[in-house]
Amino acid sequence: MLKRIFKPHGSLDTPSRTQTPKTPNIPNIPNIPKTPNIPKTPNIPKTPNIPKTPNIPKTNTVDYENGNVQIVLMNTGSISKESFMNWGKNRKPDETRISCIKDYYKASSVPLVPGIICAWETQGKLQVYDGIHRLLAAYEMATPMDFLLLKRKGDEQDIIDDFICINKSVSVPVMYIEDTSVLKKLLCEEVASELCRRYPKFVSPSRNPFTYNFNRDNLIDFISSFNVNFERDGVKEDILNELHGLNLQAKEYVKRHKINSPKKCEIYNFYLFYLDKSYIKKSVEKNIC
């Protein structure tokens, strides 16, 4: 019978219990600062749908060309005012008309000058023969304006023919398109300008003004019809003196016949055109040699 042999506890032959390895020394974790409180992103409104920019025509582009004629879209901001001049046979620009047109541009906020500006392209200059008042008014605006420019080359007779055609329904002083002496033109303009200076409240842009007013262009045409020697020394002063005397006659005529007249006639002492123009013309021609 086999005997069971018990070895004492802890003998060398008895396997020892598994020893758990020591945890290594872990360095202390440094104090990490707390994440600051970040404010919430505010609700940003959605960007509204912006309409697309319309196609704006480029300026200084030729829109029409046929022989000696071009029509170009231009802008007062892209070409200098000095590039233009008034055509030699045209009327001198009227500041009253320019001012009225400028007021219209401001009130209406128009981006494009109405109508077409017509110019004769010669000797490196653009001589405007139709639309000079509209063009000059545009150059006085704070915001640049677009305008359609008709440029015509060729002989000046073509310009004269076009000018007459354009102005068929408008009274234009004949002396500008006929072979009138430069001295006569200047003198008639100076007499008219002097009356405009003396009586600015009576200057009208209308071609058919009230009796007590006058239109500068019509006045130039009227003065040019006087059958007097415009080249004689002192003739300008003589005409002005004669018109002054006729103005006094007109005042007496209005008072004597108790004709209703605006208060400004009395304030500024101007009644000249209550007299018939044929009477004024005869009187000037009779008293001026």
Protein backbone atom coordinates (compact mmCIF):
# COMPACT_ATOMS: atom_id res chain seq x y z
CA MET A 1 0.00 0.00 0.00
CA LEU A 2 1.42 3.21 -1.15
CA LYS A 3 1.64 5.98 1.31
CA ARG A 4 0.86 9.48 0.34
CA ILE A 5 3.71 11.70 1.10
CA PHE A 6 2.87 15.24 2.12
CA LYS A 7 5.49 17.81 1.86
CA PRO A 8 5.50 20.45 4.38
CA HIS A 9 3.98 23.74 3.42
CA GLY A 10 6.53 26.12 2.16
CA SER A 11 9.00 23.56 1.07
CA LEU A 12 11.29 24.41 -1.75
CA ASP A 13 9.32 22.35 -4.16
CA THR A 14 6.11 24.25 -3.59
CA PRO A 15 5.65 26.96 -6.20
CA SER A 16 5.28 30.42 -4.66
CA ARG A 17 2.31 32.59 -5.23
CA THR A 18 2.52 35.02 -8.20
CA GLN A 19 3.68 38.38 -6.96
CA THR A 20 2.00 41.47 -8.48
CA PRO A 21 4.63 43.88 -9.91
CA LYS A 22 4.77 47.25 -8.25
CA THR A 23 3.16 50.17 -10.08
CA PRO A 24 5.89 52.44 -11.42
CA ASN A 25 6.09 55.97 -10.06
CA ILE A 26 3.95 58.15 -12.39
CA PRO A 27 4.91 61.78 -12.32
CA ASN A 28 2.30 64.17 -11.08
CA ILE A 29 0.14 65.61 -13.89
CA PRO A 30 0.58 69.33 -13.98
CA ASN A 31 -2.42 71.54 -13.35
CA ILE A 32 -3.93 72.29 -16.75
CA PRO A 33 -5.84 75.51 -16.79
CA LYS A 34 -9.51 75.21 -17.39
CA THR A 35 -10.81 76.06 -20.84
CA PRO A 36 -12.33 79.52 -20.64
CA ASN A 37 -15.99 79.92 -21.26
CA ILE A 38 -16.36 80.81 -24.95
CA PRO A 39 -19.42 82.91 -25.63
CA LYS A 40 -21.93 81.40 -27.95
CA THR A 41 -21.81 82.55 -31.56
CA PRO A 42 -24.67 84.99 -32.08
CA ASN A 43 -27.25 84.22 -34.69
CA ILE A 44 -26.05 85.94 -37.84
CA PRO A 45 -28.87 86.85 -40.21
CA LYS A 46 -28.69 85.25 -43.59
CA THR A 47 -27.29 87.38 -46.39
CA PRO A 48 -30.19 88.58 -48.51
CA ASN A 49 -30.25 87.66 -52.15
CA ILE A 50 -28.59 90.57 -53.94
CA PRO A 51 -29.83 91.02 -57.48
CA LYS A 52 -27.22 90.68 -60.15
CA THR A 53 -25.75 93.89 -61.52
CA PRO A 54 -27.37 94.61 -64.87
CA ASN A 55 -25.21 94.78 -67.93
CA ILE A 56 -24.22 98.45 -68.21
CA PRO A 57 -23.12 99.51 -71.67
CA LYS A 58 -19.51 100.59 -71.85
CA THR A 59 -18.85 104.22 -72.69
CA ASN A 60 -16.65 105.43 -75.55
CA THR A 61 -18.03 102.64 -77.70
CA VAL A 62 -19.18 103.16 -81.27
CA ASP A 63 -22.85 102.21 -81.50
CA TYR A 64 -23.38 103.31 -85.10
CA GLU A 65 -21.10 104.16 -88.00
CA ASN A 66 -21.90 105.10 -91.55
CA GLY A 67 -19.45 107.01 -93.72
CA ASN A 68 -18.53 110.28 -92.01
CA VAL A 69 -21.02 109.78 -89.17
CA GLN A 70 -20.50 107.98 -85.85
CA ILE A 71 -22.76 107.73 -82.81
CA VAL A 72 -20.79 107.07 -79.62
CA LEU A 73 -21.94 106.53 -76.03
CA MET A 74 -19.76 108.76 -73.85
CA ASN A 75 -19.56 109.97 -70.26
CA THR A 76 -18.66 113.40 -68.90
CA GLY A 77 -16.26 111.69 -66.51
CA SER A 78 -14.24 110.05 -69.29
CA ILE A 79 -13.79 113.01 -71.66
CA SER A 80 -12.84 116.53 -70.63
CA LYS A 81 -15.07 119.53 -71.15
CA GLU A 82 -12.17 121.18 -73.00
CA SER A 83 -12.48 118.56 -75.75
CA PHE A 84 -15.60 120.41 -76.91
CA MET A 85 -16.21 123.90 -78.20
CA ASN A 86 -19.22 125.76 -79.52
CA TRP A 87 -19.46 125.69 -83.31
CA GLY A 88 -18.40 129.04 -84.76
CA LYS A 89 -21.75 129.57 -86.52
CA ASN A 90 -23.79 128.58 -83.48
CA ARG A 91 -25.31 130.91 -80.91
CA LYS A 92 -23.29 131.79 -77.86
CA PRO A 93 -24.41 129.56 -74.93
CA ASP A 94 -27.15 131.12 -72.78
CA GLU A 95 -26.43 130.79 -69.05
CA THR A 96 -30.15 131.05 -68.23
CA ARG A 97 -30.95 128.00 -70.36
CA ILE A 98 -28.00 126.05 -68.96
CA SER A 99 -29.20 126.75 -65.42
CA CYS A 100 -32.77 125.63 -66.24
CA ILE A 101 -31.55 122.38 -67.80
CA LYS A 102 -29.26 121.71 -64.84
CA ASP A 103 -32.21 122.16 -62.47
CA TYR A 104 -34.16 119.63 -64.55
CA TYR A 105 -31.30 117.10 -64.35
CA LYS A 106 -31.18 117.47 -60.57
CA ALA A 107 -34.94 117.20 -60.08
CA SER A 108 -35.33 114.20 -62.39
CA SER A 109 -32.08 112.36 -61.51
CA VAL A 110 -31.63 111.44 -65.16
CA PRO A 111 -28.42 109.42 -65.80
CA LEU A 112 -28.42 110.08 -69.55
CA VAL A 113 -28.49 113.48 -71.27
CA PRO A 114 -31.76 113.65 -73.25
CA GLY A 115 -31.44 113.59 -77.02
CA ILE A 116 -28.23 113.47 -79.03
CA ILE A 117 -25.31 115.90 -78.91
CA CYS A 118 -24.18 116.71 -82.47
CA ALA A 119 -20.59 117.78 -83.12
CA TRP A 120 -18.37 118.45 -86.11
CA GLU A 121 -15.02 116.68 -85.69
CA THR A 122 -12.38 118.92 -87.21
CA GLN A 123 -8.80 119.97 -86.42
CA GLY A 124 -8.68 117.76 -83.34
CA LYS A 125 -11.72 119.44 -81.76
CA LEU A 126 -15.40 118.56 -81.41
CA GLN A 127 -17.41 121.63 -82.39
CA VAL A 128 -20.93 121.22 -80.99
CA TYR A 129 -23.62 122.50 -83.37
CA ASP A 130 -26.63 121.05 -81.56
CA GLY A 131 -27.05 120.34 -77.83
CA ILE A 132 -24.40 122.70 -76.40
CA HIS A 133 -26.71 123.79 -73.53
CA ARG A 134 -27.58 120.20 -72.57
CA LEU A 135 -23.90 119.22 -72.68
CA LEU A 136 -22.64 122.16 -70.60
CA ALA A 137 -25.38 121.54 -68.03
CA ALA A 138 -24.22 117.90 -67.76
CA TYR A 139 -20.65 119.01 -67.07
CA GLU A 140 -21.94 121.14 -64.17
CA MET A 141 -23.45 118.11 -62.42
CA ALA A 142 -21.62 116.55 -59.45
CA THR A 143 -22.23 113.02 -60.78
CA PRO A 144 -20.89 112.24 -64.28
CA MET A 145 -23.58 111.74 -66.91
CA ASP A 146 -23.72 109.57 -70.02
CA PHE A 147 -24.54 111.15 -73.36
CA LEU A 148 -24.91 110.08 -76.96
CA LEU A 149 -22.55 111.96 -79.26
CA LEU A 150 -23.06 112.14 -82.99
CA LYS A 151 -19.68 112.91 -84.56
CA ARG A 152 -19.71 114.15 -88.12
CA LYS A 153 -16.66 114.69 -90.32
CA GLY A 154 -16.44 116.31 -93.71
CA ASP A 155 -17.09 119.75 -95.20
CA GLU A 156 -18.65 122.52 -93.09
CA GLN A 157 -21.46 122.89 -95.60
CA ASP A 158 -22.67 119.45 -94.49
CA ILE A 159 -22.81 120.79 -90.93
CA ILE A 160 -24.76 123.87 -92.06
CA ASP A 161 -27.28 121.69 -93.91
CA ASP A 162 -27.70 119.40 -90.89
CA PHE A 163 -27.99 122.41 -88.57
CA ILE A 164 -30.76 123.98 -90.68
CA CYS A 165 -32.61 120.65 -90.85
CA ILE A 166 -32.43 120.14 -87.06
CA ASN A 167 -33.65 123.67 -86.36
CA LYS A 168 -36.47 123.87 -88.92
CA SER A 169 -39.06 124.14 -86.13
CA VAL A 170 -36.92 126.41 -83.95
CA SER A 171 -36.21 130.09 -84.44
CA VAL A 172 -32.45 130.45 -84.90
CA PRO A 173 -30.81 133.83 -85.57
CA VAL A 174 -30.17 133.91 -89.31
CA MET A 175 -26.91 135.82 -88.91
CA TYR A 176 -25.22 132.71 -87.52
CA ILE A 177 -25.54 130.71 -90.71
CA GLU A 178 -25.21 133.49 -93.28
CA ASP A 179 -22.04 135.30 -94.22
CA THR A 180 -22.32 137.97 -91.55
CA SER A 181 -19.26 139.87 -90.38
CA VAL A 182 -17.69 138.67 -87.15
CA LEU A 183 -17.90 142.24 -85.81
CA LYS A 184 -21.68 142.36 -86.31
CA LYS A 185 -22.15 139.02 -84.55
CA LEU A 186 -20.07 140.12 -81.58
CA LEU A 187 -21.81 143.48 -81.33
CA CYS A 188 -25.31 141.96 -81.40
CA GLU A 189 -24.29 139.46 -78.74
CA GLU A 190 -22.77 142.21 -76.58
CA VAL A 191 -25.89 144.40 -76.76
CA ALA A 192 -28.10 141.42 -75.85
CA SER A 193 -25.74 140.37 -73.04
CA GLU A 194 -25.77 143.91 -71.61
CA LEU A 195 -29.59 143.93 -71.50
CA CYS A 196 -29.48 140.49 -69.83
CA ARG A 197 -27.04 141.88 -67.28
CA ARG A 198 -29.14 144.98 -66.55
CA TYR A 199 -32.48 143.16 -66.41
CA PRO A 200 -31.81 139.53 -65.37
CA LYS A 201 -35.32 139.11 -63.92
CA PHE A 202 -36.79 139.48 -67.41
CA VAL A 203 -34.61 136.93 -69.25
CA SER A 204 -36.67 133.90 -70.25
CA PRO A 205 -35.52 130.55 -71.70
CA SER A 206 -38.80 130.35 -73.60
CA ARG A 207 -38.84 131.16 -77.31
CA ASN A 208 -42.29 132.64 -76.79
CA PRO A 209 -41.96 134.66 -73.57
CA PHE A 210 -44.52 136.93 -71.94
CA THR A 211 -44.69 140.48 -73.32
CA TYR A 212 -42.65 141.96 -70.47
CA ASN A 213 -39.85 139.29 -70.76
CA PHE A 214 -37.39 138.58 -73.53
CA ASN A 215 -35.46 135.60 -74.84
CA ARG A 216 -31.76 136.21 -75.37
CA ASP A 217 -31.56 134.39 -78.71
CA ASN A 218 -34.65 136.14 -80.04
CA LEU A 219 -33.17 139.44 -78.91
CA ILE A 220 -29.90 138.81 -80.78
CA ASP A 221 -31.89 138.02 -83.92
CA PHE A 222 -33.96 141.20 -83.45
CA ILE A 223 -30.90 143.43 -82.98
CA SER A 224 -29.19 141.90 -86.02
CA SER A 225 -32.19 142.98 -88.12
CA PHE A 226 -31.43 146.69 -87.47
CA ASN A 227 -30.39 148.40 -90.67
CA VAL A 228 -27.44 150.27 -89.15
CA ASN A 229 -23.70 150.35 -89.71
CA PHE A 230 -22.50 147.79 -87.15
CA GLU A 231 -18.86 148.52 -87.97
CA ARG A 232 -19.03 152.16 -86.97
CA ASP A 233 -17.21 153.15 -83.78
CA GLY A 234 -19.55 153.66 -80.84
CA VAL A 235 -22.55 152.00 -82.47
CA LYS A 236 -22.99 149.61 -79.53
CA GLU A 237 -23.37 152.46 -77.02
CA ASP A 238 -25.70 154.29 -79.41
CA ILE A 239 -28.01 151.26 -79.69
CA LEU A 240 -28.07 150.78 -75.91
CA ASN A 241 -28.82 154.47 -75.35
CA GLU A 242 -31.62 154.40 -77.90
CA LEU A 243 -33.15 151.29 -76.29
CA HIS A 244 -32.93 152.99 -72.89
CA GLY A 245 -34.88 156.00 -74.23
CA LEU A 246 -37.47 153.68 -75.78
CA ASN A 247 -37.82 151.88 -72.44
CA LEU A 248 -38.83 155.19 -70.83
CA GLN A 249 -41.37 155.74 -73.60
CA ALA A 250 -42.75 152.25 -72.99
CA LYS A 251 -43.14 153.01 -69.27
CA GLU A 252 -45.14 156.18 -70.04
CA TYR A 253 -47.27 154.20 -72.52
CA VAL A 254 -48.10 151.53 -69.92
CA LYS A 255 -48.95 154.10 -67.24
CA ARG A 256 -51.00 156.28 -69.58
CA HIS A 257 -53.10 153.39 -70.87
CA LYS A 258 -53.28 151.74 -67.43
CA ILE A 259 -51.97 148.45 -68.80
CA ASN A 260 -51.63 145.73 -66.22
CA SER A 261 -47.99 144.80 -65.75
CA PRO A 262 -46.22 142.64 -63.14
CA LYS A 263 -44.79 144.28 -60.05
CA LYS A 264 -41.25 143.51 -61.19
CA CYS A 265 -41.61 145.99 -64.07
CA GLU A 266 -42.04 148.80 -61.57
CA ILE A 267 -39.34 147.48 -59.21
CA TYR A 268 -36.68 147.07 -61.92
CA ASN A 269 -37.98 149.78 -64.28
CA PHE A 270 -38.21 147.69 -67.45
CA TYR A 271 -41.09 148.04 -69.92
CA LEU A 272 -39.33 148.05 -73.33
CA PHE A 273 -41.22 145.26 -75.06
CA TYR A 274 -44.65 146.70 -74.36
CA LEU A 275 -43.77 148.71 -77.47
CA ASP A 276 -44.26 147.04 -80.83
CA LYS A 277 -40.97 145.66 -82.17
CA SER A 278 -41.47 147.29 -85.55
CA TYR A 279 -41.70 150.67 -83.78
CA ILE A 280 -38.51 149.93 -81.80
CA LYS A 281 -36.68 148.93 -84.99
CA LYS A 282 -37.74 152.07 -86.90
CA SER A 283 -36.76 154.34 -84.00
CA VAL A 284 -33.29 152.80 -83.69
CA GLU A 285 -32.67 153.01 -87.45
CA LYS A 286 -33.95 156.62 -87.61
CA ASN A 287 -31.76 157.92 -84.76
CA ILE A 288 -28.60 155.95 -85.49
CA CYS A 289 -26.74 156.73 -88.67
